[in-house]
Amino acid sequence: GFERMPPLTLREISMLQIMNQTTDKAEWGRTIFYERITGTWKQEVARDPRSDFTPEMRDYRIEERKCKVEILQTGRVHVHSGDVVK
């Protein structure tokens, strides 16, 4: 059935959009383990006008995506608890 999810804050929506950009990158599941590449991604986020993330938040976002690489093997990556998968 239908279950109403609690509303998301603008910061949460921005974080989801930016994390989605990461997972749209070619071979992100492999390249996320290369600091040179993730350093570039962090710079992109720092320049993104939607982002007011601290450096610690940008680091956490990358570490969280690394954990999701295992899920990539299933063919689906859960973006958030709203059951949106890609």
N, C-alpha and C. Protein backbone atom coordinates (compact mmCIF):
# COMPACT_ATOMS: atom_id res chain seq x y z
N GLY A 1 0.81 -1.19 0.00
CA GLY A 1 0.00 0.00 0.00
C GLY A 1 0.85 1.25 0.00
N PHE A 2 0.15 2.33 0.07
CA PHE A 2 0.78 3.65 0.06
C PHE A 2 1.10 4.08 1.47
N GLU A 3 2.31 4.52 1.68
CA GLU A 3 2.70 5.05 2.98
C GLU A 3 3.30 6.42 2.78
N ARG A 4 2.76 7.41 3.44
CA ARG A 4 3.25 8.78 3.30
C ARG A 4 4.59 8.92 4.05
N MET A 5 5.58 9.38 3.33
CA MET A 5 6.90 9.60 3.92
C MET A 5 6.95 11.00 4.53
N PRO A 6 7.72 11.19 5.59
CA PRO A 6 7.84 12.54 6.15
C PRO A 6 8.53 13.45 5.13
N PRO A 7 8.20 14.73 5.14
CA PRO A 7 8.82 15.64 4.17
C PRO A 7 10.33 15.73 4.40
N LEU A 8 11.04 15.98 3.32
CA LEU A 8 12.50 16.14 3.39
C LEU A 8 12.83 17.63 3.45
N THR A 9 13.92 17.94 4.12
CA THR A 9 14.39 19.32 4.14
C THR A 9 15.08 19.63 2.82
N LEU A 10 15.25 20.92 2.54
CA LEU A 10 15.96 21.31 1.31
C LEU A 10 17.38 20.75 1.31
N ARG A 11 18.02 20.74 2.47
CA ARG A 11 19.39 20.20 2.55
C ARG A 11 19.40 18.72 2.21
N GLU A 12 18.40 17.96 2.71
CA GLU A 12 18.33 16.53 2.39
C GLU A 12 18.10 16.31 0.90
N ILE A 13 17.22 17.11 0.31
CA ILE A 13 16.96 16.99 -1.13
C ILE A 13 18.22 17.30 -1.91
N SER A 14 18.93 18.37 -1.53
CA SER A 14 20.18 18.72 -2.20
C SER A 14 21.20 17.60 -2.08
N MET A 15 21.31 17.01 -0.89
CA MET A 15 22.26 15.93 -0.69
C MET A 15 21.92 14.74 -1.58
N LEU A 16 20.64 14.41 -1.67
CA LEU A 16 20.22 13.29 -2.53
C LEU A 16 20.54 13.57 -3.99
N GLN A 17 20.29 14.81 -4.44
CA GLN A 17 20.58 15.16 -5.83
C GLN A 17 22.08 15.06 -6.11
N ILE A 18 22.88 15.54 -5.20
CA ILE A 18 24.33 15.51 -5.40
C ILE A 18 24.85 14.08 -5.34
N MET A 19 24.33 13.26 -4.43
CA MET A 19 24.74 11.86 -4.38
C MET A 19 24.32 11.14 -5.67
N ASN A 20 23.17 11.51 -6.20
CA ASN A 20 22.72 10.92 -7.45
C ASN A 20 23.67 11.28 -8.59
N GLN A 21 24.19 12.51 -8.59
CA GLN A 21 25.16 12.90 -9.61
C GLN A 21 26.40 12.01 -9.54
N THR A 22 26.82 11.66 -8.34
CA THR A 22 27.98 10.78 -8.18
C THR A 22 27.71 9.42 -8.80
N THR A 23 26.55 8.86 -8.50
CA THR A 23 26.25 7.51 -9.01
C THR A 23 25.91 7.51 -10.49
N ASP A 24 25.74 8.68 -11.09
CA ASP A 24 25.54 8.77 -12.54
C ASP A 24 26.87 8.80 -13.29
N LYS A 25 27.97 9.00 -12.59
CA LYS A 25 29.29 9.06 -13.23
C LYS A 25 29.68 7.67 -13.73
N ALA A 26 30.36 7.65 -14.86
CA ALA A 26 30.82 6.38 -15.44
C ALA A 26 31.73 5.66 -14.45
N GLU A 27 31.45 4.39 -14.23
CA GLU A 27 32.26 3.51 -13.38
C GLU A 27 32.50 4.06 -11.97
N TRP A 28 31.50 4.76 -11.43
CA TRP A 28 31.66 5.35 -10.10
C TRP A 28 31.99 4.30 -9.05
N GLY A 29 31.47 3.10 -9.21
CA GLY A 29 31.69 2.05 -8.22
C GLY A 29 33.13 1.58 -8.15
N ARG A 30 33.88 1.83 -9.19
CA ARG A 30 35.31 1.49 -9.20
C ARG A 30 36.15 2.72 -8.86
N THR A 31 35.81 3.85 -9.48
CA THR A 31 36.64 5.04 -9.34
C THR A 31 36.49 5.74 -8.00
N ILE A 32 35.46 5.40 -7.24
CA ILE A 32 35.26 6.04 -5.94
C ILE A 32 36.37 5.69 -4.95
N PHE A 33 37.15 4.68 -5.25
CA PHE A 33 38.24 4.28 -4.36
C PHE A 33 39.56 4.99 -4.68
N TYR A 34 39.55 5.90 -5.65
CA TYR A 34 40.75 6.65 -6.03
C TYR A 34 40.64 8.08 -5.50
N GLU A 35 41.52 8.42 -4.56
CA GLU A 35 41.47 9.73 -3.92
C GLU A 35 41.58 10.88 -4.92
N ARG A 36 42.37 10.70 -5.96
CA ARG A 36 42.51 11.76 -6.96
C ARG A 36 41.15 12.08 -7.60
N ILE A 37 40.38 11.05 -7.87
CA ILE A 37 39.07 11.23 -8.50
C ILE A 37 38.07 11.78 -7.49
N THR A 38 38.02 11.20 -6.30
CA THR A 38 37.06 11.70 -5.31
C THR A 38 37.39 13.12 -4.87
N GLY A 39 38.66 13.49 -4.92
CA GLY A 39 39.03 14.87 -4.63
C GLY A 39 38.40 15.83 -5.62
N THR A 40 38.37 15.43 -6.88
CA THR A 40 37.72 16.23 -7.92
C THR A 40 36.22 16.33 -7.65
N TRP A 41 35.62 15.20 -7.27
CA TRP A 41 34.18 15.19 -6.98
C TRP A 41 33.86 16.12 -5.81
N LYS A 42 34.71 16.10 -4.80
CA LYS A 42 34.49 16.97 -3.64
C LYS A 42 34.58 18.44 -4.04
N GLN A 43 35.50 18.77 -4.94
CA GLN A 43 35.61 20.14 -5.43
C GLN A 43 34.36 20.54 -6.20
N GLU A 44 33.82 19.61 -7.00
CA GLU A 44 32.59 19.89 -7.74
C GLU A 44 31.45 20.21 -6.78
N VAL A 45 31.35 19.44 -5.71
CA VAL A 45 30.29 19.67 -4.72
C VAL A 45 30.49 21.02 -4.04
N ALA A 46 31.73 21.36 -3.73
CA ALA A 46 32.02 22.64 -3.07
C ALA A 46 31.60 23.82 -3.95
N ARG A 47 31.67 23.66 -5.27
CA ARG A 47 31.29 24.73 -6.20
C ARG A 47 29.80 24.73 -6.53
N ASP A 48 29.09 23.65 -6.19
CA ASP A 48 27.67 23.53 -6.53
C ASP A 48 26.86 24.52 -5.70
N PRO A 49 26.06 25.38 -6.35
CA PRO A 49 25.30 26.38 -5.61
C PRO A 49 24.25 25.79 -4.66
N ARG A 50 23.84 24.55 -4.88
CA ARG A 50 22.87 23.90 -3.99
C ARG A 50 23.53 23.41 -2.71
N SER A 51 24.84 23.34 -2.72
CA SER A 51 25.57 22.69 -1.63
C SER A 51 26.04 23.70 -0.59
N ASP A 52 25.65 23.45 0.64
CA ASP A 52 26.24 24.20 1.75
C ASP A 52 26.92 23.22 2.70
N PHE A 53 27.45 22.15 2.12
CA PHE A 53 28.05 21.06 2.89
C PHE A 53 29.42 21.47 3.42
N THR A 54 29.70 21.03 4.62
CA THR A 54 31.03 21.22 5.20
C THR A 54 31.98 20.20 4.56
N PRO A 55 33.29 20.39 4.70
CA PRO A 55 34.22 19.38 4.19
C PRO A 55 33.96 18.00 4.79
N GLU A 56 33.57 17.97 6.06
CA GLU A 56 33.26 16.68 6.70
C GLU A 56 32.05 16.02 6.06
N MET A 57 31.07 16.81 5.69
CA MET A 57 29.88 16.26 5.02
C MET A 57 30.25 15.71 3.65
N ARG A 58 31.12 16.41 2.95
CA ARG A 58 31.56 15.93 1.63
C ARG A 58 32.33 14.62 1.78
N ASP A 59 33.17 14.52 2.80
CA ASP A 59 33.91 13.27 3.05
C ASP A 59 32.95 12.13 3.37
N TYR A 60 31.99 12.41 4.22
CA TYR A 60 31.02 11.38 4.62
C TYR A 60 30.24 10.87 3.41
N ARG A 61 29.87 11.80 2.54
CA ARG A 61 29.11 11.43 1.34
C ARG A 61 29.89 10.43 0.50
N ILE A 62 31.18 10.64 0.35
CA ILE A 62 32.02 9.71 -0.42
C ILE A 62 32.12 8.38 0.31
N GLU A 63 32.35 8.41 1.62
CA GLU A 63 32.46 7.16 2.38
C GLU A 63 31.16 6.36 2.33
N GLU A 64 30.04 7.06 2.38
CA GLU A 64 28.74 6.39 2.30
C GLU A 64 28.57 5.70 0.94
N ARG A 65 28.99 6.37 -0.11
CA ARG A 65 28.89 5.77 -1.46
C ARG A 65 29.80 4.55 -1.57
N LYS A 66 30.96 4.58 -0.92
CA LYS A 66 31.84 3.41 -0.94
C LYS A 66 31.12 2.20 -0.35
N CYS A 67 30.38 2.42 0.72
CA CYS A 67 29.62 1.32 1.33
C CYS A 67 28.54 0.81 0.39
N LYS A 68 28.03 1.66 -0.46
CA LYS A 68 26.96 1.26 -1.37
C LYS A 68 27.48 0.49 -2.58
N VAL A 69 28.78 0.46 -2.78
CA VAL A 69 29.34 -0.27 -3.92
C VAL A 69 28.93 -1.74 -3.88
N GLU A 70 28.91 -2.33 -2.68
CA GLU A 70 28.50 -3.73 -2.57
C GLU A 70 27.07 -3.93 -3.08
N ILE A 71 26.21 -2.97 -2.80
CA ILE A 71 24.83 -3.07 -3.27
C ILE A 71 24.77 -2.97 -4.79
N LEU A 72 25.73 -2.26 -5.38
CA LEU A 72 25.77 -2.14 -6.84
C LEU A 72 25.79 -3.51 -7.50
N GLN A 73 26.40 -4.47 -6.84
CA GLN A 73 26.49 -5.81 -7.41
C GLN A 73 25.11 -6.44 -7.61
N THR A 74 24.09 -5.96 -6.90
CA THR A 74 22.73 -6.49 -7.05
C THR A 74 22.03 -5.90 -8.27
N GLY A 75 22.60 -4.82 -8.82
CA GLY A 75 21.97 -4.14 -9.94
C GLY A 75 21.05 -3.00 -9.53
N ARG A 76 20.89 -2.78 -8.23
CA ARG A 76 20.05 -1.68 -7.75
C ARG A 76 20.80 -0.93 -6.65
N VAL A 77 20.68 0.38 -6.67
CA VAL A 77 21.27 1.20 -5.62
C VAL A 77 20.15 2.01 -4.99
N HIS A 78 19.84 1.75 -3.73
CA HIS A 78 18.82 2.51 -3.02
C HIS A 78 19.36 3.90 -2.74
N VAL A 79 18.61 4.92 -3.12
CA VAL A 79 19.04 6.29 -2.94
C VAL A 79 18.61 6.82 -1.58
N HIS A 80 17.39 6.51 -1.17
CA HIS A 80 16.89 6.90 0.14
C HIS A 80 15.73 6.00 0.52
N SER A 81 15.19 6.19 1.70
CA SER A 81 14.17 5.29 2.22
C SER A 81 12.83 5.38 1.51
N GLY A 82 12.72 6.23 0.53
CA GLY A 82 11.47 6.36 -0.22
C GLY A 82 11.33 5.31 -1.30
N ASP A 83 12.16 4.29 -1.26
CA ASP A 83 12.12 3.19 -2.22
C ASP A 83 12.39 3.62 -3.65
N VAL A 84 13.15 4.69 -3.83
CA VAL A 84 13.59 5.08 -5.16
C VAL A 84 14.85 4.31 -5.46
N VAL A 85 14.86 3.56 -6.55
CA VAL A 85 16.05 2.81 -6.94
C VAL A 85 16.41 3.16 -8.36
N LYS A 86 17.68 3.01 -8.67
CA LYS A 86 18.10 3.24 -10.05
C LYS A 86 18.90 2.07 -10.52
